[in-house]
Amino acid sequence: MGRLVVRPQALTDLDDIFDYIAEDSLDRAIAFIRKLYGQMETLAASLGIGRRRDVLLPGLRSFPYGNYLIFYLPLDDGVDVVRLLNGARDLEALFQNEAL
């Protein structure tokens, strides 16, 4: 398994996603976050998969999970998860204001 680094902003995103889903169903929120975390572990073990997003940030990649996108930077031995965002958001504006 590759190394998985999750930045503080991505952890905040995870909390926000959990809270949003938990408004309808706590069980569904728990299951979704577990599966999302599993997808991040898969990315760490499968270097280089996902869509290139150099226009947002050089070297950035994204991989979909449900309505969300996992944004990450590849590492030599895994991934550095930068953000977890709903794909319907204005991604360019979010990354333009991002202090990475």
C-alpha atoms as a PDB file:
ATOM      1  CA  MET A   1       0.000   0.000   0.000  1.00  0.00           C
ATOM      2  CA  GLY A   2       1.218   3.496  -0.807  1.00  0.00           C
ATOM      3  CA  ARG A   3       1.586   6.348   1.614  1.00  0.00           C
ATOM      4  CA  LEU A   4      -1.545   8.440   2.115  1.00  0.00           C
ATOM      5  CA  VAL A   5      -1.116  12.050   3.224  1.00  0.00           C
ATOM      6  CA  VAL A   6      -4.338  13.963   3.923  1.00  0.00           C
ATOM      7  CA  ARG A   7      -3.903  17.713   4.316  1.00  0.00           C
ATOM      8  CA  PRO A   8      -5.807  19.611   7.036  1.00  0.00           C
ATOM      9  CA  GLN A   9      -8.131  21.252   4.475  1.00  0.00           C
ATOM     10  CA  ALA A  10      -9.009  17.819   3.064  1.00  0.00           C
ATOM     11  CA  LEU A  11      -9.796  16.612   6.603  1.00  0.00           C
ATOM     12  CA  THR A  12     -12.092  19.621   7.007  1.00  0.00           C
ATOM     13  CA  ASP A  13     -13.709  18.681   3.686  1.00  0.00           C
ATOM     14  CA  LEU A  14     -14.266  15.140   5.014  1.00  0.00           C
ATOM     15  CA  ASP A  15     -15.954  16.546   8.117  1.00  0.00           C
ATOM     16  CA  ASP A  16     -18.171  18.798   5.978  1.00  0.00           C
ATOM     17  CA  ILE A  17     -19.175  15.912   3.701  1.00  0.00           C
ATOM     18  CA  PHE A  18     -19.959  13.743   6.722  1.00  0.00           C
ATOM     19  CA  ASP A  19     -22.059  16.462   8.354  1.00  0.00           C
ATOM     20  CA  TYR A  20     -23.998  17.102   5.143  1.00  0.00           C
ATOM     21  CA  ILE A  21     -24.854  13.428   4.580  1.00  0.00           C
ATOM     22  CA  ALA A  22     -25.520  12.830   8.291  1.00  0.00           C
ATOM     23  CA  GLU A  23     -28.337  15.390   8.176  1.00  0.00           C
ATOM     24  CA  ASP A  24     -30.307  12.695   6.326  1.00  0.00           C
ATOM     25  CA  SER A  25     -28.715   9.507   7.635  1.00  0.00           C
ATOM     26  CA  LEU A  26     -25.902   8.919  10.089  1.00  0.00           C
ATOM     27  CA  ASP A  27     -25.415   5.341   8.876  1.00  0.00           C
ATOM     28  CA  ARG A  28     -25.152   6.487   5.254  1.00  0.00           C
ATOM     29  CA  ALA A  29     -22.657   9.195   6.231  1.00  0.00           C
ATOM     30  CA  ILE A  30     -20.441   6.694   8.050  1.00  0.00           C
ATOM     31  CA  ALA A  31     -20.552   4.259   5.123  1.00  0.00           C
ATOM     32  CA  PHE A  32     -19.829   6.986   2.561  1.00  0.00           C
ATOM     33  CA  ILE A  33     -16.803   8.336   4.435  1.00  0.00           C
ATOM     34  CA  ARG A  34     -15.412   4.814   4.917  1.00  0.00           C
ATOM     35  CA  LYS A  35     -15.719   4.124   1.193  1.00  0.00           C
ATOM     36  CA  LEU A  36     -14.287   7.527   0.292  1.00  0.00           C
ATOM     37  CA  TYR A  37     -11.305   6.891   2.559  1.00  0.00           C
ATOM     38  CA  GLY A  38     -10.910   3.463   0.907  1.00  0.00           C
ATOM     39  CA  GLN A  39     -10.827   5.171  -2.488  1.00  0.00           C
ATOM     40  CA  MET A  40      -8.054   7.463  -1.261  1.00  0.00           C
ATOM     41  CA  GLU A  41      -6.088   4.378  -0.148  1.00  0.00           C
ATOM     42  CA  THR A  42      -6.599   2.882  -3.617  1.00  0.00           C
ATOM     43  CA  LEU A  43      -5.222   6.070  -5.184  1.00  0.00           C
ATOM     44  CA  ALA A  44      -2.174   5.849  -2.921  1.00  0.00           C
ATOM     45  CA  ALA A  45      -1.536   2.300  -4.143  1.00  0.00           C
ATOM     46  CA  SER A  46      -2.268   3.048  -7.829  1.00  0.00           C
ATOM     47  CA  LEU A  47       0.019   5.922  -8.689  1.00  0.00           C
ATOM     48  CA  GLY A  48      -0.904   8.218 -11.544  1.00  0.00           C
ATOM     49  CA  ILE A  49      -4.577   7.389 -12.020  1.00  0.00           C
ATOM     50  CA  GLY A  50      -7.152  10.114 -12.397  1.00  0.00           C
ATOM     51  CA  ARG A  51      -7.523  13.228 -14.485  1.00  0.00           C
ATOM     52  CA  ARG A  52      -4.705  15.740 -14.745  1.00  0.00           C
ATOM     53  CA  ARG A  53      -5.693  19.165 -13.373  1.00  0.00           C
ATOM     54  CA  ASP A  54      -2.581  21.214 -14.130  1.00  0.00           C
ATOM     55  CA  VAL A  55      -4.754  24.228 -14.933  1.00  0.00           C
ATOM     56  CA  LEU A  56      -5.824  24.329 -11.278  1.00  0.00           C
ATOM     57  CA  LEU A  57      -2.403  23.521  -9.809  1.00  0.00           C
ATOM     58  CA  PRO A  58       0.712  22.073 -11.471  1.00  0.00           C
ATOM     59  CA  GLY A  59       0.883  18.310 -10.912  1.00  0.00           C
ATOM     60  CA  LEU A  60      -2.647  18.121  -9.478  1.00  0.00           C
ATOM     61  CA  ARG A  61      -4.886  15.170 -10.327  1.00  0.00           C
ATOM     62  CA  SER A  62      -8.504  14.399  -9.542  1.00  0.00           C
ATOM     63  CA  PHE A  63     -10.447  11.190  -9.212  1.00  0.00           C
ATOM     64  CA  PRO A  64     -14.239  10.984  -8.917  1.00  0.00           C
ATOM     65  CA  TYR A  65     -16.112   9.344  -6.104  1.00  0.00           C
ATOM     66  CA  GLY A  66     -19.872   9.790  -6.279  1.00  0.00           C
ATOM     67  CA  ASN A  67     -20.605  13.504  -6.669  1.00  0.00           C
ATOM     68  CA  TYR A  68     -17.206  14.362  -5.192  1.00  0.00           C
ATOM     69  CA  LEU A  69     -13.718  14.739  -6.560  1.00  0.00           C
ATOM     70  CA  ILE A  70     -10.590  13.710  -4.715  1.00  0.00           C
ATOM     71  CA  PHE A  71      -7.857  16.218  -5.576  1.00  0.00           C
ATOM     72  CA  TYR A  72      -4.344  14.971  -4.970  1.00  0.00           C
ATOM     73  CA  LEU A  73      -0.698  15.443  -5.776  1.00  0.00           C
ATOM     74  CA  PRO A  74       1.235  12.290  -6.615  1.00  0.00           C
ATOM     75  CA  LEU A  75       4.164  11.424  -4.347  1.00  0.00           C
ATOM     76  CA  ASP A  76       6.962   8.996  -5.143  1.00  0.00           C
ATOM     77  CA  ASP A  77       5.413   6.503  -2.730  1.00  0.00           C
ATOM     78  CA  GLY A  78       1.743   7.509  -2.584  1.00  0.00           C
ATOM     79  CA  VAL A  79      -0.520  10.550  -2.733  1.00  0.00           C
ATOM     80  CA  ASP A  80      -0.992  13.878  -0.982  1.00  0.00           C
ATOM     81  CA  VAL A  81      -4.756  14.557  -0.807  1.00  0.00           C
ATOM     82  CA  VAL A  82      -5.292  18.309  -1.115  1.00  0.00           C
ATOM     83  CA  ARG A  83      -9.091  18.689  -1.214  1.00  0.00           C
ATOM     84  CA  LEU A  84     -12.324  16.673  -1.391  1.00  0.00           C
ATOM     85  CA  LEU A  85     -14.929  18.732  -3.220  1.00  0.00           C
ATOM     86  CA  ASN A  86     -18.326  18.400  -4.813  1.00  0.00           C
ATOM     87  CA  GLY A  87     -17.788  18.360  -8.574  1.00  0.00           C
ATOM     88  CA  ALA A  88     -20.536  20.971  -9.084  1.00  0.00           C
ATOM     89  CA  ARG A  89     -18.560  23.691  -7.279  1.00  0.00           C
ATOM     90  CA  ASP A  90     -16.551  26.397  -9.033  1.00  0.00           C
ATOM     91  CA  LEU A  91     -13.261  24.536  -8.849  1.00  0.00           C
ATOM     92  CA  GLU A  92     -11.146  27.185 -10.566  1.00  0.00           C
ATOM     93  CA  ALA A  93     -12.264  29.828  -8.077  1.00  0.00           C
ATOM     94  CA  LEU A  94     -11.623  27.511  -5.110  1.00  0.00           C
ATOM     95  CA  PHE A  95      -8.099  26.639  -6.222  1.00  0.00           C
ATOM     96  CA  GLN A  96      -7.332  30.210  -7.203  1.00  0.00           C
ATOM     97  CA  ASN A  97      -7.892  31.261  -3.576  1.00  0.00           C
ATOM     98  CA  GLU A  98      -6.214  28.150  -2.137  1.00  0.00           C
ATOM     99  CA  ALA A  99      -3.011  28.600  -0.144  1.00  0.00           C
ATOM    100  CA  LEU A 100      -1.152  25.354  -0.790  1.00  0.00           C
END
